[in-house]
Amino acid sequence: MKKIGVLTSGGDSPGMNPAIRAVVRKAIFHNVEVYGIYGGYAGLISGNIKKLELGSVGDIIHRGGTMLQSARCPEFKTKEGQQKGIQQLKALGIEGLVVIGGDGSYRGAKALTEQGFPCVGVPGTIDNDIPGTDITIGFDTALNTVIDAIDKIRDTATSHERTFVIEVMGRDAGDIALCAGLAGGAETILIPEENYDLNDIADRLRKGQERGKKHSIIIVAEGVTSGVEFGKLLQESTNFDTRVSVLGHMQRGGSPTAADRVLASRLGARAVELLIEGKGGRAVGLENNRLVDYDIIEALSRKHKLDLDLYKLSQELSI
């Protein structure tokens, strides 16, 4: 394989740039040309493709977001759109593609694989919801962003003796809410994987108040409900002075942590190795701190599982 492409798709995550850098430099180290596809699958269809050199990825390892940009592309969900993309790649002599992104990005890579074009998926999403890897690129940075926000909100919650509801991202997965809530000392954590009882939450808050507790932090994963709606229900149920903070897209931004930079570098480089070895239709991941790869079609047939032991621990520690 002499020419490969790389694209980022779906929601951006901190660490995508270090992953791009690893793909480019690993490939060039092995005398393989690299082409960047700008604007995700939409850029692939339109032919927004440029050759990348060593200098193209200089000074990006510490930057959030993605230098290749990203976009949603409904057209790529069709066979016609996929064929347009393949034609653009073949016109430039590109023989393999590294796709950095989440679930939707993997589905695009799967579609290309099924049509005979070798792709390797690299898990880049703050949601940490990709099966086959213990952690995804961007999760650690997003988690630290949320924890920093919780610490700041706790200061004002204490000063004003208020209950704060903090809504975090994660789509249908509760990883961000659970880990940030546990690390931030939240009194209650709401995740999509577990049902909640509003009366039970209200009782716990009242008991805390009775023993002199002046404030409470409640973390709500966006896959459960709106933080604003839950805040209204809670205030009506308890009559506690309640405020809501929706952290939103700030969770996707910021300079990637050291952990995300190392993870992205390892996974990006391994993706290139697989293509050089002639192994397409794969996805890379990290399990027990070891690099792994697995069939990308199989990956999409599996379901991400949250560590519910952590959820149990969070409840035990928040009494």
Protein backbone atom coordinates (compact mmCIF):
# COMPACT_ATOMS: atom_id res chain seq x y z
CA MET A 1 0.00 0.00 0.00
CA LYS A 2 1.54 3.26 -1.17
CA LYS A 3 -1.23 5.81 -0.57
CA ILE A 4 -3.74 6.10 2.28
CA GLY A 5 -6.33 8.65 3.31
CA VAL A 6 -7.46 9.90 6.69
CA LEU A 7 -10.67 11.65 7.72
CA THR A 8 -12.50 12.68 10.87
CA SER A 9 -16.25 12.39 11.04
CA GLY A 10 -19.17 13.10 13.36
CA GLY A 11 -18.77 15.06 16.57
CA ASP A 12 -15.23 16.28 17.17
CA SER A 13 -13.29 15.18 20.23
CA PRO A 14 -10.07 16.39 21.87
CA GLY A 15 -7.30 14.10 20.64
CA MET A 16 -8.39 13.87 17.02
CA ASN A 17 -5.48 16.10 16.01
CA PRO A 18 -2.86 13.91 17.75
CA ALA A 19 -4.45 10.91 16.00
CA ILE A 20 -4.20 12.61 12.60
CA ARG A 21 -0.59 13.51 13.36
CA ALA A 22 0.20 9.90 14.25
CA VAL A 23 -1.41 8.59 11.06
CA VAL A 24 0.52 11.03 8.87
CA ARG A 25 3.91 10.62 10.50
CA LYS A 26 3.68 6.84 10.89
CA ALA A 27 2.75 6.49 7.23
CA ILE A 28 5.51 8.79 5.99
CA PHE A 29 8.01 6.92 8.19
CA HIS A 30 7.07 3.82 6.18
CA ASN A 31 7.25 5.67 2.83
CA VAL A 32 3.48 5.77 2.40
CA GLU A 33 1.81 8.93 1.06
CA VAL A 34 -1.06 10.35 3.13
CA TYR A 35 -4.03 12.34 1.91
CA GLY A 36 -6.29 14.31 4.24
CA ILE A 37 -10.02 14.33 3.49
CA TYR A 38 -11.44 17.65 4.72
CA GLY A 39 -15.00 17.83 6.03
CA GLY A 40 -15.60 14.16 6.78
CA TYR A 41 -17.63 12.01 4.41
CA ALA A 42 -19.09 15.14 2.79
CA GLY A 43 -15.56 16.18 1.83
CA LEU A 44 -14.91 12.66 0.54
CA ILE A 45 -17.89 12.86 -1.81
CA SER A 46 -16.97 16.36 -3.04
CA GLY A 47 -13.28 15.50 -3.46
CA ASN A 48 -11.95 17.93 -0.87
CA ILE A 49 -8.74 15.92 -0.55
CA LYS A 50 -5.17 17.17 -0.17
CA LYS A 51 -1.82 15.49 0.23
CA LEU A 52 -0.36 15.89 3.72
CA GLU A 53 3.34 16.27 4.53
CA LEU A 54 5.23 16.17 7.82
CA GLY A 55 4.83 19.92 8.20
CA SER A 56 1.07 19.66 7.63
CA VAL A 57 0.65 18.16 11.08
CA GLY A 58 3.25 20.22 12.90
CA ASP A 59 2.11 22.08 16.01
CA ILE A 60 -1.28 20.33 16.26
CA ILE A 61 -0.68 17.72 18.96
CA HIS A 62 -1.87 20.10 21.69
CA ARG A 63 -4.85 21.53 19.83
CA GLY A 64 -8.47 20.49 20.37
CA GLY A 65 -10.92 19.84 17.57
CA THR A 66 -9.79 18.48 14.22
CA MET A 67 -7.66 20.18 11.58
CA LEU A 68 -9.47 18.09 8.94
CA GLN A 69 -12.84 19.46 10.13
CA SER A 70 -15.98 17.38 10.38
CA ALA A 71 -19.51 17.37 9.03
CA ARG A 72 -22.69 15.33 9.01
CA CYS A 73 -23.42 13.78 5.61
CA PRO A 74 -26.82 12.15 4.97
CA GLU A 75 -25.83 11.50 1.34
CA PHE A 76 -23.08 9.12 2.43
CA LYS A 77 -25.70 6.85 3.97
CA THR A 78 -26.76 5.95 0.42
CA LYS A 79 -25.00 3.48 -1.90
CA GLU A 80 -24.69 6.23 -4.51
CA GLY A 81 -22.94 8.55 -2.07
CA GLN A 82 -20.58 5.80 -0.96
CA GLN A 83 -19.68 4.98 -4.54
CA LYS A 84 -18.93 8.66 -5.22
CA GLY A 85 -16.54 8.61 -2.28
CA ILE A 86 -14.79 5.47 -3.47
CA GLN A 87 -14.39 6.95 -6.95
CA GLN A 88 -12.74 10.06 -5.48
CA LEU A 89 -10.27 7.90 -3.56
CA LYS A 90 -9.47 5.66 -6.52
CA ALA A 91 -8.95 8.68 -8.79
CA LEU A 92 -6.02 9.69 -6.56
CA GLY A 93 -4.71 6.15 -6.21
CA ILE A 94 -5.61 5.98 -2.52
CA GLU A 95 -5.77 2.34 -1.46
CA GLY A 96 -6.91 2.48 2.18
CA LEU A 97 -8.63 4.84 4.59
CA VAL A 98 -8.30 5.62 8.29
CA VAL A 99 -11.59 6.86 9.76
CA ILE A 100 -11.44 8.65 13.12
CA GLY A 101 -14.78 9.08 14.83
CA GLY A 102 -17.66 7.47 16.68
CA ASP A 103 -20.52 5.14 15.93
CA GLY A 104 -21.75 6.93 12.80
CA SER A 105 -18.22 7.19 11.43
CA TYR A 106 -17.75 3.46 11.93
CA ARG A 107 -20.94 2.79 10.01
CA GLY A 108 -19.52 4.73 7.08
CA ALA A 109 -16.27 2.79 7.28
CA LYS A 110 -18.26 -0.45 7.45
CA ALA A 111 -20.18 0.50 4.30
CA LEU A 112 -16.94 1.16 2.39
CA THR A 113 -15.47 -2.10 3.68
CA GLU A 114 -18.50 -4.05 2.48
CA GLN A 115 -17.97 -2.54 -0.97
CA GLY A 116 -14.37 -3.72 -1.07
CA PHE A 117 -12.51 -0.58 0.03
CA PRO A 118 -10.22 -1.24 3.04
CA CYS A 119 -10.87 1.00 6.07
CA VAL A 120 -9.63 1.04 9.65
CA GLY A 121 -11.69 2.72 12.36
CA VAL A 122 -10.10 4.72 15.18
CA PRO A 123 -12.45 5.46 18.12
CA GLY A 124 -12.67 9.24 18.52
CA THR A 125 -15.63 10.38 20.63
CA ILE A 126 -16.08 11.94 24.05
CA ASP A 127 -19.03 9.60 24.70
CA ASN A 128 -16.80 6.53 25.28
CA ASP A 129 -19.53 4.39 23.72
CA ILE A 130 -17.56 2.36 21.14
CA PRO A 131 -17.48 -1.40 21.84
CA GLY A 132 -14.11 -3.13 21.69
CA THR A 133 -12.09 -0.51 23.50
CA ASP A 134 -11.86 0.41 27.17
CA ILE A 135 -11.61 4.10 26.35
CA THR A 136 -12.10 6.36 23.35
CA ILE A 137 -10.06 9.34 22.22
CA GLY A 138 -11.43 12.51 23.84
CA PHE A 139 -13.18 10.90 26.80
CA ASP A 140 -10.46 11.72 29.33
CA THR A 141 -10.28 15.37 28.26
CA ALA A 142 -14.05 15.80 28.33
CA LEU A 143 -14.18 14.13 31.72
CA ASN A 144 -11.64 16.56 33.15
CA THR A 145 -13.55 19.49 31.64
CA VAL A 146 -16.71 18.34 33.43
CA ILE A 147 -14.90 17.76 36.72
CA ASP A 148 -13.44 21.26 36.55
CA ALA A 149 -16.94 22.66 36.02
CA ILE A 150 -18.33 20.62 38.93
CA ASP A 151 -15.62 21.95 41.24
CA LYS A 152 -16.42 25.53 40.28
CA ILE A 153 -20.18 25.06 40.58
CA ARG A 154 -19.74 23.43 43.99
CA ASP A 155 -18.08 26.64 45.22
CA THR A 156 -21.11 28.76 44.40
CA ALA A 157 -23.54 26.01 45.49
CA THR A 158 -21.88 26.07 48.92
CA SER A 159 -21.92 29.85 49.11
CA HIS A 160 -25.64 30.10 48.34
CA GLU A 161 -26.79 26.80 49.90
CA ARG A 162 -28.34 25.59 46.65
CA THR A 163 -28.96 22.35 44.84
CA PHE A 164 -27.34 22.32 41.40
CA VAL A 165 -28.38 20.07 38.51
CA ILE A 166 -25.60 19.71 35.93
CA GLU A 167 -26.45 18.23 32.53
CA VAL A 168 -23.56 16.54 30.72
CA MET A 169 -23.15 15.02 27.27
CA GLY A 170 -22.71 11.37 26.33
CA ARG A 171 -25.65 10.73 24.01
CA ASP A 172 -27.11 7.35 25.03
CA ALA A 173 -24.16 6.39 27.24
CA GLY A 174 -23.71 7.38 30.87
CA ASP A 175 -19.90 7.17 31.04
CA ILE A 176 -19.24 10.91 31.32
CA ALA A 177 -21.99 11.42 33.91
CA LEU A 178 -20.93 8.43 35.99
CA CYS A 179 -17.17 9.03 36.03
CA ALA A 180 -17.47 12.80 36.45
CA GLY A 181 -20.08 12.38 39.18
CA LEU A 182 -17.95 9.88 41.06
CA ALA A 183 -14.77 11.95 40.70
CA GLY A 184 -16.61 15.19 41.50
CA GLY A 185 -18.38 13.87 44.59
CA ALA A 186 -21.91 14.30 43.23
CA GLU A 187 -24.73 13.29 45.56
CA THR A 188 -26.86 11.85 42.74
CA ILE A 189 -26.02 10.62 39.24
CA LEU A 190 -28.63 9.93 36.55
CA ILE A 191 -27.53 7.65 33.68
CA PRO A 192 -29.46 6.08 30.77
CA GLU A 193 -28.44 2.59 31.84
CA GLU A 194 -30.32 2.80 35.16
CA ASN A 195 -33.82 4.02 36.09
CA TYR A 196 -34.20 6.69 38.74
CA ASP A 197 -36.85 7.40 41.37
CA LEU A 198 -37.55 11.11 41.89
CA ASN A 199 -39.08 10.48 45.31
CA ASP A 200 -35.98 8.57 46.42
CA ILE A 201 -33.73 11.42 45.25
CA ALA A 202 -35.90 13.96 47.06
CA ASP A 203 -35.80 11.90 50.27
CA ARG A 204 -32.00 11.67 50.13
CA LEU A 205 -31.75 15.44 49.67
CA ARG A 206 -34.03 16.06 52.66
CA LYS A 207 -32.03 13.68 54.85
CA GLY A 208 -28.86 15.48 53.85
CA GLN A 209 -30.40 18.81 54.76
CA GLU A 210 -31.54 17.46 58.13
CA ARG A 211 -27.99 16.49 59.05
CA GLY A 212 -26.73 19.96 58.12
CA LYS A 213 -25.78 19.56 54.45
CA LYS A 214 -25.88 22.97 52.78
CA HIS A 215 -25.73 22.06 49.10
CA SER A 216 -26.05 19.16 46.64
CA ILE A 217 -24.75 18.36 43.16
CA ILE A 218 -26.84 16.21 40.81
CA ILE A 219 -25.36 15.03 37.50
CA VAL A 220 -27.80 14.26 34.68
CA ALA A 221 -26.70 12.49 31.50
CA GLU A 222 -28.36 14.00 28.43
CA GLY A 223 -29.59 10.52 27.44
CA VAL A 224 -31.83 10.44 30.52
CA THR A 225 -33.66 13.74 30.34
CA SER A 226 -33.14 17.47 30.01
CA GLY A 227 -31.35 19.00 32.98
CA VAL A 228 -33.76 21.93 32.85
CA GLU A 229 -36.82 19.65 32.97
CA PHE A 230 -35.37 17.57 35.79
CA GLY A 231 -34.51 20.73 37.73
CA LYS A 232 -38.12 21.88 37.50
CA LEU A 233 -39.42 18.52 38.71
CA LEU A 234 -36.95 18.47 41.58
CA GLN A 235 -37.78 21.98 42.75
CA GLU A 236 -41.50 21.21 42.63
CA SER A 237 -40.92 18.01 44.62
CA THR A 238 -38.60 19.40 47.30
CA ASN A 239 -39.03 23.18 47.23
CA PHE A 240 -35.23 23.41 47.45
CA ASP A 241 -33.52 26.39 45.82
CA THR A 242 -32.43 24.65 42.58
CA ARG A 243 -30.26 25.87 39.72
CA VAL A 244 -29.40 24.16 36.43
CA SER A 245 -26.19 24.24 34.39
CA VAL A 246 -26.06 22.67 30.92
CA LEU A 247 -22.39 22.28 30.05
CA GLY A 248 -23.03 21.62 26.36
CA HIS A 249 -20.35 21.73 23.69
CA MET A 250 -17.62 23.08 25.94
CA GLN A 251 -17.11 19.39 26.78
CA ARG A 252 -15.84 18.75 23.25
CA GLY A 253 -13.27 21.52 23.29
CA GLY A 254 -9.94 22.22 24.89
CA SER A 255 -6.39 20.98 24.66
CA PRO A 256 -6.30 17.17 24.91
CA THR A 257 -4.91 15.70 28.10
CA ALA A 258 -1.65 13.77 28.11
CA ALA A 259 -3.65 10.54 28.35
CA ASP A 260 -5.65 11.41 25.23
CA ARG A 261 -2.52 12.43 23.31
CA VAL A 262 -0.80 9.14 24.12
CA LEU A 263 -3.93 7.10 23.32
CA ALA A 264 -4.47 8.91 20.03
CA SER A 265 -0.84 8.45 19.01
CA ARG A 266 -0.95 4.72 19.74
CA LEU A 267 -4.25 4.08 17.99
CA GLY A 268 -3.49 6.26 14.96
CA ALA A 269 -0.13 4.56 14.39
CA ARG A 270 -1.64 1.08 14.79
CA ALA A 271 -4.31 1.89 12.18
CA VAL A 272 -1.58 2.66 9.66
CA GLU A 273 0.24 -0.57 10.51
CA LEU A 274 -2.90 -2.56 9.79
CA LEU A 275 -3.36 -0.97 6.38
CA ILE A 276 0.30 -1.56 5.52
CA GLU A 277 -0.20 -5.20 6.52
CA GLY A 278 -3.13 -5.37 4.11
CA LYS A 279 -5.73 -5.65 6.87
CA GLY A 280 -8.79 -3.56 6.08
CA GLY A 281 -12.21 -3.73 7.65
CA ARG A 282 -10.72 -3.45 11.13
CA ALA A 283 -11.14 -1.17 14.14
CA VAL A 284 -8.47 -0.46 16.73
CA GLY A 285 -8.85 -0.13 20.46
CA LEU A 286 -7.23 -0.44 23.86
CA GLU A 287 -8.09 -3.25 26.26
CA ASN A 288 -6.23 -3.66 29.55
CA ASN A 289 -3.69 -1.15 28.19
CA ARG A 290 -2.93 -3.41 25.21
CA LEU A 291 -3.58 -2.46 21.59
CA VAL A 292 -6.22 -4.62 19.96
CA ASP A 293 -7.96 -4.74 16.59
CA TYR A 294 -11.18 -6.44 15.59
CA ASP A 295 -13.63 -6.70 12.73
CA ILE A 296 -15.37 -3.36 12.27
CA ILE A 297 -18.64 -5.05 11.29
CA GLU A 298 -18.48 -7.15 14.44
CA ALA A 299 -17.82 -4.00 16.47
CA LEU A 300 -21.10 -2.47 15.35
CA SER A 301 -23.01 -5.61 16.25
CA ARG A 302 -21.85 -5.42 19.87
CA LYS A 303 -23.22 -3.10 22.53
CA HIS A 304 -21.22 -0.79 24.75
CA LYS A 305 -21.46 -1.77 28.41
CA LEU A 306 -21.14 0.63 31.30
CA ASP A 307 -19.31 -0.51 34.44
CA LEU A 308 -22.28 -0.67 36.80
CA ASP A 309 -19.97 -1.50 39.71
CA LEU A 310 -18.86 2.14 39.50
CA TYR A 311 -22.49 3.22 39.65
CA LYS A 312 -23.02 1.13 42.78
CA LEU A 313 -19.88 2.62 44.31
CA SER A 314 -21.06 6.16 43.58
CA GLN A 315 -24.29 5.46 45.46
CA GLU A 316 -22.45 3.98 48.42
CA LEU A 317 -20.10 6.96 48.69
CA SER A 318 -22.79 9.62 48.34
CA ILE A 319 -24.79 8.71 51.45
